[in-house]
């Protein structure tokens, strides 16, 4: 499913509630420090014990990044495709404002 927002198109999974945005959209919703920290973790190969998954956009392997409690008060994981800059978020890290119930576009 998709939803058009001011920052661009946000896609989410009706089954698990996870969502995907371009990293530039994510940057508009968190502090520059936090966005840079997460991007650098992904560029260095990620962090965490999550298994890699295929990017929903280009199908290359996404890098798992444990976000910790610092991202909008959520604890969870993100997967980032460095080549195409696609980001996938678990439900627990979606409290980033913008959409219904404080979610990043899942209405």
C-alpha atoms as a PDB file:
ATOM      1  CA  UNK A   1       0.000   0.000   0.000  1.00  0.00           C
ATOM      2  CA  UNK A   2       1.169   3.546  -0.613  1.00  0.00           C
ATOM      3  CA  UNK A   3       0.466   6.963   0.791  1.00  0.00           C
ATOM      4  CA  UNK A   4       1.546  10.298  -0.668  1.00  0.00           C
ATOM      5  CA  UNK A   5       2.997  12.628   1.960  1.00  0.00           C
ATOM      6  CA  UNK A   6       4.727  15.971   1.896  1.00  0.00           C
ATOM      7  CA  UNK A   7       8.105  14.216   1.971  1.00  0.00           C
ATOM      8  CA  UNK A   8       7.191  11.781  -0.818  1.00  0.00           C
ATOM      9  CA  UNK A   9       5.606   8.396  -1.340  1.00  0.00           C
ATOM     10  CA  UNK A  10       5.621   5.996   1.631  1.00  0.00           C
ATOM     11  CA  UNK A  11       4.932   2.291   1.146  1.00  0.00           C
ATOM     12  CA  UNK A  12       3.869  -0.053   3.919  1.00  0.00           C
ATOM     13  CA  UNK A  13       3.053  -3.719   4.308  1.00  0.00           C
ATOM     14  CA  UNK A  14      -0.551  -4.484   5.210  1.00  0.00           C
ATOM     15  CA  UNK A  15       0.561  -7.767   6.760  1.00  0.00           C
ATOM     16  CA  UNK A  16       3.338  -6.779   9.161  1.00  0.00           C
ATOM     17  CA  UNK A  17       2.857  -2.990   9.264  1.00  0.00           C
ATOM     18  CA  UNK A  18       6.486  -2.319   8.354  1.00  0.00           C
ATOM     19  CA  UNK A  19       7.174   0.527   5.967  1.00  0.00           C
ATOM     20  CA  UNK A  20       9.685   1.693   3.428  1.00  0.00           C
ATOM     21  CA  UNK A  21      10.827   5.158   2.407  1.00  0.00           C
ATOM     22  CA  UNK A  22      13.802   6.621   0.610  1.00  0.00           C
ATOM     23  CA  UNK A  23      16.541   7.661   3.014  1.00  0.00           C
ATOM     24  CA  UNK A  24      16.123  11.306   1.945  1.00  0.00           C
ATOM     25  CA  UNK A  25      12.536  11.154   3.254  1.00  0.00           C
ATOM     26  CA  UNK A  26      13.765   9.689   6.533  1.00  0.00           C
ATOM     27  CA  UNK A  27      16.325  12.512   6.881  1.00  0.00           C
ATOM     28  CA  UNK A  28      13.483  15.061   6.906  1.00  0.00           C
ATOM     29  CA  UNK A  29      11.922  13.399   9.949  1.00  0.00           C
ATOM     30  CA  UNK A  30      14.853  12.912  12.324  1.00  0.00           C
ATOM     31  CA  UNK A  31      17.778  15.020  13.447  1.00  0.00           C
ATOM     32  CA  UNK A  32      20.754  15.354  11.105  1.00  0.00           C
ATOM     33  CA  UNK A  33      22.929  13.708  13.735  1.00  0.00           C
ATOM     34  CA  UNK A  34      20.638  10.671  13.977  1.00  0.00           C
ATOM     35  CA  UNK A  35      20.276  10.296  10.207  1.00  0.00           C
ATOM     36  CA  UNK A  36      24.041  10.528   9.715  1.00  0.00           C
ATOM     37  CA  UNK A  37      24.710   8.017  12.510  1.00  0.00           C
ATOM     38  CA  UNK A  38      22.333   5.466  10.970  1.00  0.00           C
ATOM     39  CA  UNK A  39      23.633   6.021   7.439  1.00  0.00           C
ATOM     40  CA  UNK A  40      27.252   5.554   8.560  1.00  0.00           C
ATOM     41  CA  UNK A  41      26.347   2.327  10.366  1.00  0.00           C
ATOM     42  CA  UNK A  42      24.802   1.011   7.140  1.00  0.00           C
ATOM     43  CA  UNK A  43      27.807   2.065   5.050  1.00  0.00           C
ATOM     44  CA  UNK A  44      30.111   0.213   7.445  1.00  0.00           C
ATOM     45  CA  UNK A  45      28.169  -3.009   7.144  1.00  0.00           C
ATOM     46  CA  UNK A  46      25.457  -2.532   9.709  1.00  0.00           C
ATOM     47  CA  UNK A  47      25.081  -3.576  13.269  1.00  0.00           C
ATOM     48  CA  UNK A  48      22.889  -6.127  14.919  1.00  0.00           C
ATOM     49  CA  UNK A  49      21.906  -9.743  14.678  1.00  0.00           C
ATOM     50  CA  UNK A  50      19.046  -9.353  12.254  1.00  0.00           C
ATOM     51  CA  UNK A  51      19.283 -11.329   9.067  1.00  0.00           C
ATOM     52  CA  UNK A  52      19.768  -9.542   5.797  1.00  0.00           C
ATOM     53  CA  UNK A  53      16.766  -9.142   3.540  1.00  0.00           C
ATOM     54  CA  UNK A  54      16.195  -8.180  -0.077  1.00  0.00           C
ATOM     55  CA  UNK A  55      15.515  -4.539  -0.927  1.00  0.00           C
ATOM     56  CA  UNK A  56      11.895  -4.057  -2.038  1.00  0.00           C
ATOM     57  CA  UNK A  57      13.066  -1.637  -4.736  1.00  0.00           C
ATOM     58  CA  UNK A  58      16.222  -3.097  -6.324  1.00  0.00           C
ATOM     59  CA  UNK A  59      16.292  -6.599  -4.718  1.00  0.00           C
ATOM     60  CA  UNK A  60      19.914  -6.235  -3.548  1.00  0.00           C
ATOM     61  CA  UNK A  61      20.795  -7.207   0.003  1.00  0.00           C
ATOM     62  CA  UNK A  62      19.842  -4.612   2.611  1.00  0.00           C
ATOM     63  CA  UNK A  63      22.061  -3.945   5.638  1.00  0.00           C
ATOM     64  CA  UNK A  64      20.440  -4.478   9.061  1.00  0.00           C
ATOM     65  CA  UNK A  65      20.948  -1.589  11.491  1.00  0.00           C
ATOM     66  CA  UNK A  66      19.861  -1.718  15.131  1.00  0.00           C
ATOM     67  CA  UNK A  67      18.549   1.737  15.927  1.00  0.00           C
ATOM     68  CA  UNK A  68      18.272   1.565  19.688  1.00  0.00           C
ATOM     69  CA  UNK A  69      15.951   3.749  21.711  1.00  0.00           C
ATOM     70  CA  UNK A  70      17.266   7.005  20.285  1.00  0.00           C
ATOM     71  CA  UNK A  71      15.143   7.056  17.103  1.00  0.00           C
ATOM     72  CA  UNK A  72      11.894   8.766  18.058  1.00  0.00           C
ATOM     73  CA  UNK A  73      11.736   6.752  21.266  1.00  0.00           C
ATOM     74  CA  UNK A  74      11.359   3.480  19.373  1.00  0.00           C
ATOM     75  CA  UNK A  75      13.386   0.347  19.767  1.00  0.00           C
ATOM     76  CA  UNK A  76      13.700  -1.795  16.689  1.00  0.00           C
ATOM     77  CA  UNK A  77      15.580  -2.383  13.510  1.00  0.00           C
ATOM     78  CA  UNK A  78      15.987  -0.826  10.141  1.00  0.00           C
ATOM     79  CA  UNK A  79      17.338  -2.313   6.965  1.00  0.00           C
ATOM     80  CA  UNK A  80      19.066   0.033   4.538  1.00  0.00           C
ATOM     81  CA  UNK A  81      19.949  -0.554   0.911  1.00  0.00           C
ATOM     82  CA  UNK A  82      23.030   1.607   0.498  1.00  0.00           C
ATOM     83  CA  UNK A  83      23.088   1.453  -3.339  1.00  0.00           C
ATOM     84  CA  UNK A  84      19.511   2.716  -3.861  1.00  0.00           C
ATOM     85  CA  UNK A  85      19.073   4.386  -0.429  1.00  0.00           C
ATOM     86  CA  UNK A  86      15.863   2.511   0.400  1.00  0.00           C
ATOM     87  CA  UNK A  87      15.048   2.094   4.090  1.00  0.00           C
ATOM     88  CA  UNK A  88      12.744  -0.525   5.634  1.00  0.00           C
ATOM     89  CA  UNK A  89      11.514  -0.067   9.210  1.00  0.00           C
ATOM     90  CA  UNK A  90       9.925  -2.453  11.649  1.00  0.00           C
ATOM     91  CA  UNK A  91       6.696  -1.401  13.280  1.00  0.00           C
ATOM     92  CA  UNK A  92       8.451  -0.544  16.564  1.00  0.00           C
ATOM     93  CA  UNK A  93      10.544   2.283  15.075  1.00  0.00           C
ATOM     94  CA  UNK A  94       7.768   4.034  13.216  1.00  0.00           C
ATOM     95  CA  UNK A  95       6.942   6.702  15.786  1.00  0.00           C
ATOM     96  CA  UNK A  96       8.550   9.323  13.564  1.00  0.00           C
ATOM     97  CA  UNK A  97       5.614  11.686  13.138  1.00  0.00           C
ATOM     98  CA  UNK A  98       3.739  12.573  10.004  1.00  0.00           C
ATOM     99  CA  UNK A  99       1.099   9.917   9.630  1.00  0.00           C
ATOM    100  CA  UNK A 100      -1.888   8.705  11.586  1.00  0.00           C
ATOM    101  CA  UNK A 101      -1.043   7.532  15.107  1.00  0.00           C
ATOM    102  CA  UNK A 102       2.371   9.201  14.826  1.00  0.00           C
ATOM    103  CA  UNK A 103       3.573   6.818  12.155  1.00  0.00           C
ATOM    104  CA  UNK A 104       5.672   7.578   9.125  1.00  0.00           C
ATOM    105  CA  UNK A 105       2.760   7.329   6.730  1.00  0.00           C
ATOM    106  CA  UNK A 106       0.900   4.184   7.741  1.00  0.00           C
ATOM    107  CA  UNK A 107      -2.704   5.237   8.024  1.00  0.00           C
END
